[in-house]
Structure formats: C-alpha cells, structure tokens
Amino acid sequence: MFDASPPHGPTRAPEPTPERPAGERDSFFDNAEYLAVVLAAMGHSWEALYPDSRILRALCSAARWS
C-alpha cells in the first residue's frame, strides 16, 4: 500500500541563509560606539572647567612654580 520509509541516500538539512554578508557591519552599533566615545571625551574635557577640579589645581600650582 503505502511505503513510509525515508528516501534513500543521505539527507541534509537546508543551510540557513544569512540576513546580511559576514563582512558587512551594522551602522547602528558603529554610530552608538562613536556617540559613546564622543560623550566620554566631552565629559573628560569638561572636568577641567569645574572650580574644584584636581587637574585645574595641578595646572595652577605648576604654573606658579615655573
């Protein structure tokens, strides 16, 4: 009547297709990383503008010694 045996020969699972090529970068994460670096640099540079900054005190005391 009906033959329920699997087909002859090796069977393979279909290979998954990637959504994008392996060498392509995601621009969202590149932009997020750039924004993080810019914000960190701005935060470090603004530290010298505070009146009680250790960096500003060090620069002022070094200027007095020279």
C-alpha atoms as a PDB file:
ATOM      1  CA  MET A   1       0.000   0.000   0.000  1.00  0.00           C
ATOM      2  CA  PHE A   2       1.972   2.951   1.320  1.00  0.00           C
ATOM      3  CA  ASP A   3       5.748   2.965   1.872  1.00  0.00           C
ATOM      4  CA  ALA A   4       6.591   5.168   4.912  1.00  0.00           C
ATOM      5  CA  SER A   5      10.346   4.570   4.816  1.00  0.00           C
ATOM      6  CA  PRO A   6      12.644   7.591   4.391  1.00  0.00           C
ATOM      7  CA  PRO A   7      14.086   8.303   0.950  1.00  0.00           C
ATOM      8  CA  HIS A   8      17.264   6.530   0.007  1.00  0.00           C
ATOM      9  CA  GLY A   9      20.618   8.284   0.359  1.00  0.00           C
ATOM     10  CA  PRO A  10      21.851  10.902   2.830  1.00  0.00           C
ATOM     11  CA  THR A  11      19.503  13.713   3.640  1.00  0.00           C
ATOM     12  CA  ARG A  12      20.671  17.194   4.547  1.00  0.00           C
ATOM     13  CA  ALA A  13      19.023  19.953   6.449  1.00  0.00           C
ATOM     14  CA  PRO A  14      18.740  23.139   4.396  1.00  0.00           C
ATOM     15  CA  GLU A  15      21.512  25.603   5.109  1.00  0.00           C
ATOM     16  CA  PRO A  16      20.357  28.805   6.764  1.00  0.00           C
ATOM     17  CA  THR A  17      20.819  31.914   4.682  1.00  0.00           C
ATOM     18  CA  PRO A  18      22.450  34.840   6.472  1.00  0.00           C
ATOM     19  CA  GLU A  19      20.496  38.076   6.726  1.00  0.00           C
ATOM     20  CA  ARG A  20      23.497  40.086   5.538  1.00  0.00           C
ATOM     21  CA  PRO A  21      27.011  39.222   4.358  1.00  0.00           C
ATOM     22  CA  ALA A  22      29.552  38.359   7.033  1.00  0.00           C
ATOM     23  CA  GLY A  23      31.805  41.342   6.279  1.00  0.00           C
ATOM     24  CA  GLU A  24      29.055  43.968   6.456  1.00  0.00           C
ATOM     25  CA  ARG A  25      28.893  45.999   9.676  1.00  0.00           C
ATOM     26  CA  ASP A  26      25.783  47.220  11.416  1.00  0.00           C
ATOM     27  CA  SER A  27      25.772  51.016  11.202  1.00  0.00           C
ATOM     28  CA  PHE A  28      23.562  51.345  14.305  1.00  0.00           C
ATOM     29  CA  PHE A  29      26.255  49.910  16.566  1.00  0.00           C
ATOM     30  CA  ASP A  30      29.002  51.892  14.820  1.00  0.00           C
ATOM     31  CA  ASN A  31      27.075  55.100  15.470  1.00  0.00           C
ATOM     32  CA  ALA A  32      26.341  54.119  19.074  1.00  0.00           C
ATOM     33  CA  GLU A  33      30.030  53.425  19.706  1.00  0.00           C
ATOM     34  CA  TYR A  34      31.012  56.765  18.150  1.00  0.00           C
ATOM     35  CA  LEU A  35      28.467  58.592  20.318  1.00  0.00           C
ATOM     36  CA  ALA A  36      29.779  56.869  23.458  1.00  0.00           C
ATOM     37  CA  VAL A  37      33.363  57.874  22.629  1.00  0.00           C
ATOM     38  CA  VAL A  38      32.344  61.491  21.931  1.00  0.00           C
ATOM     39  CA  LEU A  39      30.365  61.742  25.171  1.00  0.00           C
ATOM     40  CA  ALA A  40      33.236  60.269  27.193  1.00  0.00           C
ATOM     41  CA  ALA A  41      35.716  62.698  25.635  1.00  0.00           C
ATOM     42  CA  MET A  42      33.422  65.661  26.311  1.00  0.00           C
ATOM     43  CA  GLY A  43      32.941  64.579  29.919  1.00  0.00           C
ATOM     44  CA  HIS A  44      36.673  64.295  30.483  1.00  0.00           C
ATOM     45  CA  SER A  45      37.373  67.662  28.864  1.00  0.00           C
ATOM     46  CA  TRP A  46      34.667  69.448  30.902  1.00  0.00           C
ATOM     47  CA  GLU A  47      36.214  68.202  34.131  1.00  0.00           C
ATOM     48  CA  ALA A  48      38.877  70.911  33.887  1.00  0.00           C
ATOM     49  CA  LEU A  49      36.178  73.613  33.868  1.00  0.00           C
ATOM     50  CA  TYR A  50      34.958  72.848  37.389  1.00  0.00           C
ATOM     51  CA  PRO A  51      36.354  75.221  40.044  1.00  0.00           C
ATOM     52  CA  ASP A  52      37.282  72.387  42.412  1.00  0.00           C
ATOM     53  CA  SER A  53      38.969  70.286  39.721  1.00  0.00           C
ATOM     54  CA  ARG A  54      42.172  68.476  40.704  1.00  0.00           C
ATOM     55  CA  ILE A  55      43.513  68.951  37.184  1.00  0.00           C
ATOM     56  CA  LEU A  56      42.935  72.704  37.293  1.00  0.00           C
ATOM     57  CA  ARG A  57      44.590  72.950  40.731  1.00  0.00           C
ATOM     58  CA  ALA A  58      47.578  70.955  39.478  1.00  0.00           C
ATOM     59  CA  LEU A  59      47.964  73.182  36.425  1.00  0.00           C
ATOM     60  CA  CYS A  60      47.717  76.349  38.519  1.00  0.00           C
ATOM     61  CA  SER A  61      50.246  75.135  41.060  1.00  0.00           C
ATOM     62  CA  ALA A  62      52.602  74.029  38.282  1.00  0.00           C
ATOM     63  CA  ALA A  63      52.294  77.472  36.677  1.00  0.00           C
ATOM     64  CA  ARG A  64      53.208  79.154  39.983  1.00  0.00           C
ATOM     65  CA  TRP A  65      56.345  77.033  40.335  1.00  0.00           C
ATOM     66  CA  SER A  66      57.703  77.931  36.915  1.00  0.00           C
END
